[in-house]
Amino acid sequence: ERILVATDAGREGELIFRYIYSYLECRTPFERLWISSLTDRAIREGLQHLRPGNEYDNLYLSAKARSEADWIVGINASLALAVAAGRGVWSLGRVQT
C-alpha cells in the first residue's frame, strides 16, 4: 500500500502534503506525481514517471524553513515596529496583505 501525492508541483504543494502526513502520524510510503499541466496526456505521462517521496525531502525542508522564517520575522518584527512607531496599524514582513 502506498500514497500517491498529487498536490501542486512546487514547494508549497509539498509542504501542504507533508503537514497533513505528519499531523496524521502516517508512515505509509508515498510517491510523487509531478506535473505542470492538467491535460490527459500530461497526467498519463506523470503517472508513468512517479518518483519516491523522499526525493522531495529537500523541497519540503526549504518550504518549511521559509514558512517558519516568515512566522518568526512577522511576529518579532511586527512587535518591534509597533513598539518603535507607536500607535497605528503597521504591516511588516515578506507577505503583505
C-alpha atoms as a PDB file:
ATOM      1  CA  GLU A   1       0.000   0.000   0.000  1.00  0.00           C
ATOM      2  CA  ARG A   2       1.210   3.499  -0.831  1.00  0.00           C
ATOM      3  CA  ILE A   3       0.047   7.073  -1.108  1.00  0.00           C
ATOM      4  CA  LEU A   4       0.086   8.963  -4.391  1.00  0.00           C
ATOM      5  CA  VAL A   5       0.801  12.636  -3.729  1.00  0.00           C
ATOM      6  CA  ALA A   6      -0.790  14.899  -6.328  1.00  0.00           C
ATOM      7  CA  THR A   7      -0.683  18.306  -4.653  1.00  0.00           C
ATOM      8  CA  ASP A   8       0.643  21.285  -6.624  1.00  0.00           C
ATOM      9  CA  ALA A   9       4.061  20.695  -8.150  1.00  0.00           C
ATOM     10  CA  GLY A  10       6.196  23.021  -6.057  1.00  0.00           C
ATOM     11  CA  ARG A  11       7.385  23.585  -2.550  1.00  0.00           C
ATOM     12  CA  GLU A  12       4.056  24.862  -1.217  1.00  0.00           C
ATOM     13  CA  GLY A  13       2.203  21.810  -2.524  1.00  0.00           C
ATOM     14  CA  GLU A  14       4.870  19.607  -0.972  1.00  0.00           C
ATOM     15  CA  LEU A  15       4.604  21.467   2.331  1.00  0.00           C
ATOM     16  CA  ILE A  16       0.817  21.099   2.480  1.00  0.00           C
ATOM     17  CA  PHE A  17       1.057  17.354   1.916  1.00  0.00           C
ATOM     18  CA  ARG A  18       3.863  16.904   4.469  1.00  0.00           C
ATOM     19  CA  TYR A  19       1.985  18.876   7.134  1.00  0.00           C
ATOM     20  CA  ILE A  20      -1.045  16.613   6.691  1.00  0.00           C
ATOM     21  CA  TYR A  21       1.116  13.466   6.539  1.00  0.00           C
ATOM     22  CA  SER A  22       2.874  14.471   9.755  1.00  0.00           C
ATOM     23  CA  TYR A  23      -0.317  15.532  11.550  1.00  0.00           C
ATOM     24  CA  LEU A  24      -1.863  12.130  10.833  1.00  0.00           C
ATOM     25  CA  GLU A  25       1.350  10.434  12.021  1.00  0.00           C
ATOM     26  CA  CYS A  26       1.302   8.493   8.774  1.00  0.00           C
ATOM     27  CA  ARG A  27       4.083   6.043   7.963  1.00  0.00           C
ATOM     28  CA  THR A  28       2.763   4.724   4.645  1.00  0.00           C
ATOM     29  CA  PRO A  29       5.308   5.105   1.814  1.00  0.00           C
ATOM     30  CA  PHE A  30       4.390   7.722  -0.756  1.00  0.00           C
ATOM     31  CA  GLU A  31       5.202   8.552  -4.336  1.00  0.00           C
ATOM     32  CA  ARG A  32       5.005  11.934  -6.007  1.00  0.00           C
ATOM     33  CA  LEU A  33       3.122  12.878  -9.147  1.00  0.00           C
ATOM     34  CA  TRP A  34       4.896  15.932 -10.562  1.00  0.00           C
ATOM     35  CA  ILE A  35       3.017  17.618 -13.399  1.00  0.00           C
ATOM     36  CA  SER A  36       2.582  21.206 -14.512  1.00  0.00           C
ATOM     37  CA  SER A  37      -0.383  20.632 -16.803  1.00  0.00           C
ATOM     38  CA  LEU A  38      -3.767  19.026 -16.251  1.00  0.00           C
ATOM     39  CA  THR A  39      -4.208  17.670 -19.759  1.00  0.00           C
ATOM     40  CA  ASP A  40      -4.981  13.960 -20.108  1.00  0.00           C
ATOM     41  CA  ARG A  41      -1.627  13.425 -21.773  1.00  0.00           C
ATOM     42  CA  ALA A  42       0.353  15.196 -19.036  1.00  0.00           C
ATOM     43  CA  ILE A  43      -1.439  13.282 -16.292  1.00  0.00           C
ATOM     44  CA  ARG A  44      -0.907   9.929 -18.003  1.00  0.00           C
ATOM     45  CA  GLU A  45       2.777  10.674 -18.567  1.00  0.00           C
ATOM     46  CA  GLY A  46       3.153  11.827 -14.978  1.00  0.00           C
ATOM     47  CA  LEU A  47       1.602   8.624 -13.689  1.00  0.00           C
ATOM     48  CA  GLN A  48       4.173   6.671 -15.690  1.00  0.00           C
ATOM     49  CA  HIS A  49       7.015   8.591 -14.014  1.00  0.00           C
ATOM     50  CA  LEU A  50       6.139   8.653 -10.318  1.00  0.00           C
ATOM     51  CA  ARG A  51       9.092   9.400  -8.047  1.00  0.00           C
ATOM     52  CA  PRO A  52       9.772   8.195  -4.497  1.00  0.00           C
ATOM     53  CA  GLY A  53       8.603  10.749  -1.955  1.00  0.00           C
ATOM     54  CA  ASN A  54      11.987  11.036  -0.277  1.00  0.00           C
ATOM     55  CA  GLU A  55      13.400  12.609  -3.444  1.00  0.00           C
ATOM     56  CA  TYR A  56      11.428  15.709  -2.459  1.00  0.00           C
ATOM     57  CA  ASP A  57      12.683  15.932   1.141  1.00  0.00           C
ATOM     58  CA  ASN A  58      14.868  18.967   0.388  1.00  0.00           C
ATOM     59  CA  LEU A  59      11.946  20.728  -1.286  1.00  0.00           C
ATOM     60  CA  TYR A  60       9.846  20.111   1.817  1.00  0.00           C
ATOM     61  CA  LEU A  61      12.614  21.299   4.137  1.00  0.00           C
ATOM     62  CA  SER A  62      13.100  24.511   2.148  1.00  0.00           C
ATOM     63  CA  ALA A  63       9.356  25.209   2.233  1.00  0.00           C
ATOM     64  CA  LYS A  64       9.221  24.515   5.967  1.00  0.00           C
ATOM     65  CA  ALA A  65      12.191  26.821   6.623  1.00  0.00           C
ATOM     66  CA  ARG A  66      10.577  29.597   4.561  1.00  0.00           C
ATOM     67  CA  SER A  67       7.281  29.179   6.409  1.00  0.00           C
ATOM     68  CA  GLU A  68       8.898  29.248   9.838  1.00  0.00           C
ATOM     69  CA  ALA A  69      11.109  32.210   8.941  1.00  0.00           C
ATOM     70  CA  ASP A  70       8.074  34.172   7.720  1.00  0.00           C
ATOM     71  CA  TRP A  71       6.321  33.477  11.013  1.00  0.00           C
ATOM     72  CA  ILE A  72       9.318  34.354  13.207  1.00  0.00           C
ATOM     73  CA  VAL A  73      10.115  37.555  11.319  1.00  0.00           C
ATOM     74  CA  GLY A  74       6.463  38.562  11.167  1.00  0.00           C
ATOM     75  CA  ILE A  75       5.827  38.064  14.884  1.00  0.00           C
ATOM     76  CA  ASN A  76       9.032  39.684  16.135  1.00  0.00           C
ATOM     77  CA  ALA A  77       9.405  42.470  13.604  1.00  0.00           C
ATOM     78  CA  SER A  78       5.736  43.441  13.882  1.00  0.00           C
ATOM     79  CA  LEU A  79       6.051  43.768  17.652  1.00  0.00           C
ATOM     80  CA  ALA A  80       9.295  45.750  17.326  1.00  0.00           C
ATOM     81  CA  LEU A  81       7.715  48.098  14.787  1.00  0.00           C
ATOM     82  CA  ALA A  82       4.630  48.608  16.961  1.00  0.00           C
ATOM     83  CA  VAL A  83       6.805  49.488  19.961  1.00  0.00           C
ATOM     84  CA  ALA A  84       9.098  51.778  17.957  1.00  0.00           C
ATOM     85  CA  ALA A  85       6.432  53.501  15.866  1.00  0.00           C
ATOM     86  CA  GLY A  86       3.702  53.767  18.453  1.00  0.00           C
ATOM     87  CA  ARG A  87       0.020  53.853  17.712  1.00  0.00           C
ATOM     88  CA  GLY A  88      -1.318  52.947  14.312  1.00  0.00           C
ATOM     89  CA  VAL A  89      -1.680  49.986  12.036  1.00  0.00           C
ATOM     90  CA  TRP A  90       1.593  48.678  10.665  1.00  0.00           C
ATOM     91  CA  SER A  91       2.270  45.860   8.247  1.00  0.00           C
ATOM     92  CA  LEU A  92       5.674  44.236   8.154  1.00  0.00           C
ATOM     93  CA  GLY A  93       7.133  41.069   6.706  1.00  0.00           C
ATOM     94  CA  ARG A  94       7.618  39.254   3.431  1.00  0.00           C
ATOM     95  CA  VAL A  95       3.892  38.621   2.936  1.00  0.00           C
ATOM     96  CA  GLN A  96       1.801  41.787   2.765  1.00  0.00           C
ATOM     97  CA  THR A  97      -1.997  41.650   2.847  1.00  0.00           C
END
